Amino acid sequence: MGRSLDFCQEVERSLLKKYRKQLWNPFIYGVKRYELVRDGDRIAVCISGGKDSFLMAKLMQELPRHSDAPFEVIYLVMD
């Protein structure tokens, strides 16, 4: 029997499992193709409160865990 996940953990896991083909793979493809992340980069992710900015923030949060290049992600909240 698998471990029980809370709602937030389930959402994070679904980005890499359930929505891998629709979200994660195109995101990774774009990052690699356009060389968007390099060693030592500091990337600012602006969160406006919409679902698109939250999704981008979650994808960027996962990226360092699966990347060979060390970089830093900074989150900004806009009003």
PDB file of N, CA and C in Angstrom:
ATOM      1  N   MET A   1       0.841  -1.178   0.000  1.00  0.00           N
ATOM      2  CA  MET A   1       0.000   0.000   0.000  1.00  0.00           C
ATOM      3  C   MET A   1       0.886   1.242   0.000  1.00  0.00           C
ATOM      4  N   GLY A   2       0.588   2.224  -0.874  1.00  0.00           N
ATOM      5  CA  GLY A   2       1.382   3.442  -0.989  1.00  0.00           C
ATOM      6  C   GLY A   2       1.139   4.392   0.162  1.00  0.00           C
ATOM      7  N   ARG A   3       2.042   5.319   0.308  1.00  0.00           N
ATOM      8  CA  ARG A   3       1.882   6.286   1.391  1.00  0.00           C
ATOM      9  C   ARG A   3       0.806   7.306   1.024  1.00  0.00           C
ATOM     10  N   SER A   4       0.205   7.854   2.035  1.00  0.00           N
ATOM     11  CA  SER A   4      -0.862   8.836   1.847  1.00  0.00           C
ATOM     12  C   SER A   4      -0.258  10.233   1.685  1.00  0.00           C
ATOM     13  N   LEU A   5      -0.684  10.944   0.631  1.00  0.00           N
ATOM     14  CA  LEU A   5      -0.188  12.284   0.360  1.00  0.00           C
ATOM     15  C   LEU A   5      -1.266  13.308   0.656  1.00  0.00           C
ATOM     16  N   ASP A   6      -0.861  14.471   1.159  1.00  0.00           N
ATOM     17  CA  ASP A   6      -1.849  15.530   1.335  1.00  0.00           C
ATOM     18  C   ASP A   6      -2.096  16.206  -0.017  1.00  0.00           C
ATOM     19  N   PHE A   7      -3.019  17.133  -0.069  1.00  0.00           N
ATOM     20  CA  PHE A   7      -3.442  17.743  -1.330  1.00  0.00           C
ATOM     21  C   PHE A   7      -2.283  18.418  -2.059  1.00  0.00           C
ATOM     22  N   CYS A   8      -1.481  19.182  -1.345  1.00  0.00           N
ATOM     23  CA  CYS A   8      -0.356  19.895  -1.986  1.00  0.00           C
ATOM     24  C   CYS A   8       0.659  18.922  -2.578  1.00  0.00           C
ATOM     25  N   GLN A   9       0.957  17.875  -1.858  1.00  0.00           N
ATOM     26  CA  GLN A   9       1.899  16.880  -2.357  1.00  0.00           C
ATOM     27  C   GLN A   9       1.338  16.156  -3.575  1.00  0.00           C
ATOM     28  N   GLU A  10       0.042  15.904  -3.567  1.00  0.00           N
ATOM     29  CA  GLU A  10      -0.609  15.250  -4.699  1.00  0.00           C
ATOM     30  C   GLU A  10      -0.552  16.129  -5.954  1.00  0.00           C
ATOM     31  N   VAL A  11      -0.762  17.429  -5.782  1.00  0.00           N
ATOM     32  CA  VAL A  11      -0.688  18.362  -6.909  1.00  0.00           C
ATOM     33  C   VAL A  11       0.733  18.385  -7.469  1.00  0.00           C
ATOM     34  N   GLU A  12       1.732  18.489  -6.610  1.00  0.00           N
ATOM     35  CA  GLU A  12       3.119  18.507  -7.057  1.00  0.00           C
ATOM     36  C   GLU A  12       3.484  17.218  -7.781  1.00  0.00           C
ATOM     37  N   ARG A  13       3.051  16.108  -7.259  1.00  0.00           N
ATOM     38  CA  ARG A  13       3.345  14.816  -7.872  1.00  0.00           C
ATOM     39  C   ARG A  13       2.663  14.687  -9.235  1.00  0.00           C
ATOM     40  N   SER A  14       1.465  15.231  -9.362  1.00  0.00           N
ATOM     41  CA  SER A  14       0.733  15.110 -10.622  1.00  0.00           C
ATOM     42  C   SER A  14       1.424  15.852 -11.765  1.00  0.00           C
ATOM     43  N   LEU A  15       2.199  16.904 -11.462  1.00  0.00           N
ATOM     44  CA  LEU A  15       2.933  17.611 -12.512  1.00  0.00           C
ATOM     45  C   LEU A  15       3.925  16.694 -13.216  1.00  0.00           C
ATOM     46  N   LEU A  16       4.538  15.800 -12.454  1.00  0.00           N
ATOM     47  CA  LEU A  16       5.546  14.903 -13.019  1.00  0.00           C
ATOM     48  C   LEU A  16       4.978  13.560 -13.445  1.00  0.00           C
ATOM     49  N   LYS A  17       3.825  13.194 -12.943  1.00  0.00           N
ATOM     50  CA  LYS A  17       3.249  11.887 -13.256  1.00  0.00           C
ATOM     51  C   LYS A  17       2.068  12.014 -14.214  1.00  0.00           C
ATOM     52  N   LYS A  18       0.971  12.545 -13.723  1.00  0.00           N
ATOM     53  CA  LYS A  18      -0.273  12.584 -14.492  1.00  0.00           C
ATOM     54  C   LYS A  18      -0.184  13.533 -15.691  1.00  0.00           C
ATOM     55  N   TYR A  19       0.419  14.708 -15.509  1.00  0.00           N
ATOM     56  CA  TYR A  19       0.483  15.717 -16.561  1.00  0.00           C
ATOM     57  C   TYR A  19       1.869  15.837 -17.183  1.00  0.00           C
ATOM     58  N   ARG A  20       2.626  14.786 -17.093  1.00  0.00           N
ATOM     59  CA  ARG A  20       3.995  14.803 -17.624  1.00  0.00           C
ATOM     60  C   ARG A  20       4.010  15.141 -19.116  1.00  0.00           C
ATOM     61  N   LYS A  21       3.170  14.485 -19.873  1.00  0.00           N
ATOM     62  CA  LYS A  21       3.149  14.666 -21.329  1.00  0.00           C
ATOM     63  C   LYS A  21       2.650  16.060 -21.719  1.00  0.00           C
ATOM     64  N   GLN A  22       1.649  16.579 -21.018  1.00  0.00           N
ATOM     65  CA  GLN A  22       1.047  17.863 -21.374  1.00  0.00           C
ATOM     66  C   GLN A  22       1.818  19.061 -20.835  1.00  0.00           C
ATOM     67  N   LEU A  23       2.447  18.937 -19.666  1.00  0.00           N
ATOM     68  CA  LEU A  23       3.081  20.091 -19.017  1.00  0.00           C
ATOM     69  C   LEU A  23       4.591  19.959 -18.862  1.00  0.00           C
ATOM     70  N   TRP A  24       5.044  18.924 -18.180  1.00  0.00           N
ATOM     71  CA  TRP A  24       6.453  18.804 -17.817  1.00  0.00           C
ATOM     72  C   TRP A  24       7.357  18.641 -19.042  1.00  0.00           C
ATOM     73  N   ASN A  25       7.022  17.721 -19.939  1.00  0.00           N
ATOM     74  CA  ASN A  25       7.874  17.486 -21.106  1.00  0.00           C
ATOM     75  C   ASN A  25       8.020  18.715 -22.004  1.00  0.00           C
ATOM     76  N   PRO A  26       6.921  19.426 -22.366  1.00  0.00           N
ATOM     77  CA  PRO A  26       7.104  20.642 -23.169  1.00  0.00           C
ATOM     78  C   PRO A  26       7.898  21.729 -22.444  1.00  0.00           C
ATOM     79  N   PHE A  27       7.721  21.819 -21.133  1.00  0.00           N
ATOM     80  CA  PHE A  27       8.479  22.788 -20.335  1.00  0.00           C
ATOM     81  C   PHE A  27       9.976  22.482 -20.407  1.00  0.00           C
ATOM     82  N   ILE A  28      10.346  21.241 -20.171  1.00  0.00           N
ATOM     83  CA  ILE A  28      11.749  20.832 -20.212  1.00  0.00           C
ATOM     84  C   ILE A  28      12.312  20.999 -21.625  1.00  0.00           C
ATOM     85  N   TYR A  29      11.528  20.663 -22.628  1.00  0.00           N
ATOM     86  CA  TYR A  29      11.953  20.827 -24.016  1.00  0.00           C
ATOM     87  C   TYR A  29      12.296  22.292 -24.304  1.00  0.00           C
ATOM     88  N   GLY A  30      11.437  23.203 -23.885  1.00  0.00           N
ATOM     89  CA  GLY A  30      11.677  24.627 -24.110  1.00  0.00           C
ATOM     90  C   GLY A  30      12.895  25.143 -23.367  1.00  0.00           C
ATOM     91  N   VAL A  31      13.063  24.708 -22.132  1.00  0.00           N
ATOM     92  CA  VAL A  31      14.225  25.130 -21.339  1.00  0.00           C
ATOM     93  C   VAL A  31      15.516  24.669 -22.002  1.00  0.00           C
ATOM     94  N   LYS A  32      15.536  23.433 -22.479  1.00  0.00           N
ATOM     95  CA  LYS A  32      16.751  22.904 -23.108  1.00  0.00           C
ATOM     96  C   LYS A  32      16.975  23.500 -24.497  1.00  0.00           C
ATOM     97  N   ARG A  33      15.922  23.566 -25.310  1.00  0.00           N
ATOM     98  CA  ARG A  33      16.076  24.029 -26.690  1.00  0.00           C
ATOM     99  C   ARG A  33      16.564  25.469 -26.759  1.00  0.00           C
ATOM    100  N   TYR A  34      16.006  26.326 -25.924  1.00  0.00           N
ATOM    101  CA  TYR A  34      16.360  27.742 -25.960  1.00  0.00           C
ATOM    102  C   TYR A  34      17.422  28.114 -24.929  1.00  0.00           C
ATOM    103  N   GLU A  35      18.007  27.106 -24.286  1.00  0.00           N
ATOM    104  CA  GLU A  35      19.071  27.297 -23.301  1.00  0.00           C
ATOM    105  C   GLU A  35      18.704  28.395 -22.303  1.00  0.00           C
ATOM    106  N   LEU A  36      17.564  28.213 -21.657  1.00  0.00           N
ATOM    107  CA  LEU A  36      17.038  29.235 -20.754  1.00  0.00           C
ATOM    108  C   LEU A  36      17.723  29.258 -19.394  1.00  0.00           C
ATOM    109  N   VAL A  37      18.375  28.162 -19.015  1.00  0.00           N
ATOM    110  CA  VAL A  37      19.008  28.081 -17.695  1.00  0.00           C
ATOM    111  C   VAL A  37      20.464  27.677 -17.872  1.00  0.00           C
ATOM    112  N   ARG A  38      21.339  28.464 -17.244  1.00  0.00           N
ATOM    113  CA  ARG A  38      22.770  28.163 -17.247  1.00  0.00           C
ATOM    114  C   ARG A  38      23.269  28.099 -15.811  1.00  0.00           C
ATOM    115  N   ASP A  39      24.464  27.551 -15.644  1.00  0.00           N
ATOM    116  CA  ASP A  39      25.069  27.455 -14.310  1.00  0.00           C
ATOM    117  C   ASP A  39      25.142  28.830 -13.662  1.00  0.00           C
ATOM    118  N   GLY A  40      24.729  28.900 -12.409  1.00  0.00           N
ATOM    119  CA  GLY A  40      24.845  30.131 -11.642  1.00  0.00           C
ATOM    120  C   GLY A  40      23.768  31.177 -11.906  1.00  0.00           C
ATOM    121  N   ASP A  41      22.787  30.874 -12.751  1.00  0.00           N
ATOM    122  CA  ASP A  41      21.711  31.835 -13.030  1.00  0.00           C
ATOM    123  C   ASP A  41      20.863  32.090 -11.793  1.00  0.00           C
ATOM    124  N   ARG A  42      20.304  33.283 -11.730  1.00  0.00           N
ATOM    125  CA  ARG A  42      19.295  33.637 -10.725  1.00  0.00           C
ATOM    126  C   ARG A  42      18.041  33.991 -11.503  1.00  0.00           C
ATOM    127  N   ILE A  43      17.014  33.175 -11.381  1.00  0.00           N
ATOM    128  CA  ILE A  43      15.794  33.323 -12.168  1.00  0.00           C
ATOM    129  C   ILE A  43      14.684  33.838 -11.274  1.00  0.00           C
ATOM    130  N   ALA A  44      14.037  34.921 -11.705  1.00  0.00           N
ATOM    131  CA  ALA A  44      12.911  35.484 -10.974  1.00  0.00           C
ATOM    132  C   ALA A  44      11.622  34.991 -11.610  1.00  0.00           C
ATOM    133  N   VAL A  45      10.743  34.429 -10.785  1.00  0.00           N
ATOM    134  CA  VAL A  45       9.432  33.975 -11.241  1.00  0.00           C
ATOM    135  C   VAL A  45       8.407  34.882 -10.573  1.00  0.00           C
ATOM    136  N   CYS A  46       7.650  35.574 -11.385  1.00  0.00           N
ATOM    137  CA  CYS A  46       6.666  36.526 -10.883  1.00  0.00           C
ATOM    138  C   CYS A  46       5.309  35.837 -10.753  1.00  0.00           C
ATOM    139  N   ILE A  47       4.720  35.911  -9.577  1.00  0.00           N
ATOM    140  CA  ILE A  47       3.429  35.276  -9.314  1.00  0.00           C
ATOM    141  C   ILE A  47       2.377  36.370  -9.192  1.00  0.00           C
ATOM    142  N   SER A  48       1.451  36.384 -10.149  1.00  0.00           N
ATOM    143  CA  SER A  48       0.408  37.420 -10.152  1.00  0.00           C
ATOM    144  C   SER A  48      -0.861  36.960  -9.442  1.00  0.00           C
ATOM    145  N   GLY A  49      -0.995  35.670  -9.222  1.00  0.00           N
ATOM    146  CA  GLY A  49      -2.182  35.133  -8.575  1.00  0.00           C
ATOM    147  C   GLY A  49      -3.024  34.290  -9.505  1.00  0.00           C
ATOM    148  N   GLY A  50      -2.710  34.302 -10.782  1.00  0.00           N
ATOM    149  CA  GLY A  50      -3.436  33.494 -11.752  1.00  0.00           C
ATOM    150  C   GLY A  50      -2.903  32.077 -11.805  1.00  0.00           C
ATOM    151  N   LYS A  51      -3.692  31.201 -12.395  1.00  0.00           N
ATOM    152  CA  LYS A  51      -3.288  29.794 -12.445  1.00  0.00           C
ATOM    153  C   LYS A  51      -2.060  29.584 -13.320  1.00  0.00           C
ATOM    154  N   ASP A  52      -1.875  30.411 -14.339  1.00  0.00           N
ATOM    155  CA  ASP A  52      -0.702  30.252 -15.195  1.00  0.00           C
ATOM    156  C   ASP A  52       0.592  30.603 -14.469  1.00  0.00           C
ATOM    157  N   SER A  53       0.571  31.651 -13.665  1.00  0.00           N
ATOM    158  CA  SER A  53       1.792  32.024 -12.939  1.00  0.00           C
ATOM    159  C   SER A  53       2.089  31.032 -11.809  1.00  0.00           C
ATOM    160  N   PHE A  54       1.043  30.490 -11.185  1.00  0.00           N
ATOM    161  CA  PHE A  54       1.264  29.471 -10.152  1.00  0.00           C
ATOM    162  C   PHE A  54       1.840  28.202 -10.774  1.00  0.00           C
ATOM    163  N   LEU A  55       1.344  27.828 -11.946  1.00  0.00           N
ATOM    164  CA  LEU A  55       1.870  26.647 -12.624  1.00  0.00           C
ATOM    165  C   LEU A  55       3.333  26.851 -12.996  1.00  0.00           C
ATOM    166  N   MET A  56       3.669  28.018 -13.528  1.00  0.00           N
ATOM    167  CA  MET A  56       5.061  28.307 -13.876  1.00  0.00           C
ATOM    168  C   MET A  56       5.949  28.250 -12.629  1.00  0.00           C
ATOM    169  N   ALA A  57       5.454  28.775 -11.521  1.00  0.00           N
ATOM    170  CA  ALA A  57       6.224  28.744 -10.277  1.00  0.00           C
ATOM    171  C   ALA A  57       6.464  27.303  -9.822  1.00  0.00           C
ATOM    172  N   LYS A  58       5.452  26.446  -9.924  1.00  0.00           N
ATOM    173  CA  LYS A  58       5.615  25.053  -9.507  1.00  0.00           C
ATOM    174  C   LYS A  58       6.576  24.313 -10.428  1.00  0.00           C
ATOM    175  N   LEU A  59       6.496  24.578 -11.735  1.00  0.00           N
ATOM    176  CA  LEU A  59       7.424  23.940 -12.668  1.00  0.00           C
ATOM    177  C   LEU A  59       8.855  24.398 -12.404  1.00  0.00           C
ATOM    178  N   MET A  60       9.032  25.682 -12.143  1.00  0.00           N
ATOM    179  CA  MET A  60      10.369  26.199 -11.840  1.00  0.00           C
ATOM    180  C   MET A  60      10.878  25.673 -10.503  1.00  0.00           C
ATOM    181  N   GLN A  61       9.971  25.414  -9.573  1.00  0.00           N
ATOM    182  CA  GLN A  61      10.367  24.854  -8.283  1.00  0.00           C
ATOM    183  C   GLN A  61      10.887  23.426  -8.458  1.00  0.00           C
ATOM    184  N   GLU A  62      10.317  22.679  -9.370  1.00  0.00           N
ATOM    185  CA  GLU A  62      10.747  21.307  -9.625  1.00  0.00           C
ATOM    186  C   GLU A  62      12.031  21.235 -10.445  1.00  0.00           C
ATOM    187  N   LEU A  63      12.266  22.230 -11.284  1.00  0.00           N
ATOM    188  CA  LEU A  63      13.391  22.185 -12.212  1.00  0.00           C
ATOM    189  C   LEU A  63      14.752  21.979 -11.539  1.00  0.00           C
ATOM    190  N   PRO A  64      15.098  22.690 -10.468  1.00  0.00           N
ATOM    191  CA  PRO A  64      16.425  22.446  -9.854  1.00  0.00           C
ATOM    192  C   PRO A  64      16.588  21.029  -9.315  1.00  0.00           C
ATOM    193  N   ARG A  65      15.505  20.391  -8.931  1.00  0.00           N
ATOM    194  CA  ARG A  65      15.588  19.017  -8.419  1.00  0.00           C
ATOM    195  C   ARG A  65      15.964  18.025  -9.511  1.00  0.00           C
ATOM    196  N   HIS A  66      15.690  18.392 -10.766  1.00  0.00           N
ATOM    197  CA  HIS A  66      15.918  17.477 -11.883  1.00  0.00           C
ATOM    198  C   HIS A  66      16.967  18.007 -12.859  1.00  0.00           C
ATOM    199  N   SER A  67      17.712  19.017 -12.463  1.00  0.00           N
ATOM    200  CA  SER A  67      18.681  19.654 -13.347  1.00  0.00           C
ATOM    201  C   SER A  67      20.098  19.401 -12.865  1.00  0.00           C
ATOM    202  N   ASP A  68      21.016  19.359 -13.814  1.00  0.00           N
ATOM    203  CA  ASP A  68      22.435  19.215 -13.478  1.00  0.00           C
ATOM    204  C   ASP A  68      23.084  20.565 -13.217  1.00  0.00           C
ATOM    205  N   ALA A  69      22.499  21.629 -13.779  1.00  0.00           N
ATOM    206  CA  ALA A  69      23.056  22.973 -13.635  1.00  0.00           C
ATOM    207  C   ALA A  69      22.587  23.602 -12.321  1.00  0.00           C
ATOM    208  N   PRO A  70      23.512  24.056 -11.491  1.00  0.00           N
ATOM    209  CA  PRO A  70      23.103  24.733 -10.255  1.00  0.00           C
ATOM    210  C   PRO A  70      22.626  26.157 -10.561  1.00  0.00           C
ATOM    211  N   PHE A  71      21.425  26.484 -10.121  1.00  0.00           N
ATOM    212  CA  PHE A  71      20.883  27.829 -10.298  1.00  0.00           C
ATOM    213  C   PHE A  71      19.902  28.110  -9.178  1.00  0.00           C
ATOM    214  N   GLU A  72      19.537  29.364  -9.063  1.00  0.00           N
ATOM    215  CA  GLU A  72      18.660  29.816  -7.977  1.00  0.00           C
ATOM    216  C   GLU A  72      17.370  30.387  -8.563  1.00  0.00           C
ATOM    217  N   VAL A  73      16.253  30.056  -7.918  1.00  0.00           N
ATOM    218  CA  VAL A  73      14.953  30.573  -8.330  1.00  0.00           C
ATOM    219  C   VAL A  73      14.438  31.500  -7.227  1.00  0.00           C
ATOM    220  N   ILE A  74      14.036  32.700  -7.620  1.00  0.00           N
ATOM    221  CA  ILE A  74      13.499  33.683  -6.689  1.00  0.00           C
ATOM    222  C   ILE A  74      12.052  33.960  -7.096  1.00  0.00           C
ATOM    223  N   TYR A  75      11.153  33.989  -6.133  1.00  0.00           N
ATOM    224  CA  TYR A  75       9.741  34.192  -6.413  1.00  0.00           C
ATOM    225  C   TYR A  75       9.332  35.604  -5.990  1.00  0.00           C
ATOM    226  N   LEU A  76       8.667  36.306  -6.904  1.00  0.00           N
ATOM    227  CA  LEU A  76       8.171  37.649  -6.649  1.00  0.00           C
ATOM    228  C   LEU A  76       6.649  37.635  -6.725  1.00  0.00           C
ATOM    229  N   VAL A  77       6.015  38.312  -5.792  1.00  0.00           N
ATOM    230  CA  VAL A  77       4.549  38.380  -5.804  1.00  0.00           C
ATOM    231  C   VAL A  77       4.151  39.789  -6.250  1.00  0.00           C
ATOM    232  N   MET A  78       3.352  39.838  -7.287  1.00  0.00           N
ATOM    233  CA  MET A  78       2.908  41.124  -7.835  1.00  0.00           C
ATOM    234  C   MET A  78       1.441  41.340  -7.495  1.00  0.00           C
ATOM    235  N   ASP A  79       1.089  42.576  -7.362  1.00  0.00           N
ATOM    236  CA  ASP A  79      -0.294  42.937  -7.061  1.00  0.00           C
ATOM    237  C   ASP A  79      -0.981  43.501  -8.282  1.00  0.00           C
TER     238      ASP A  79
END
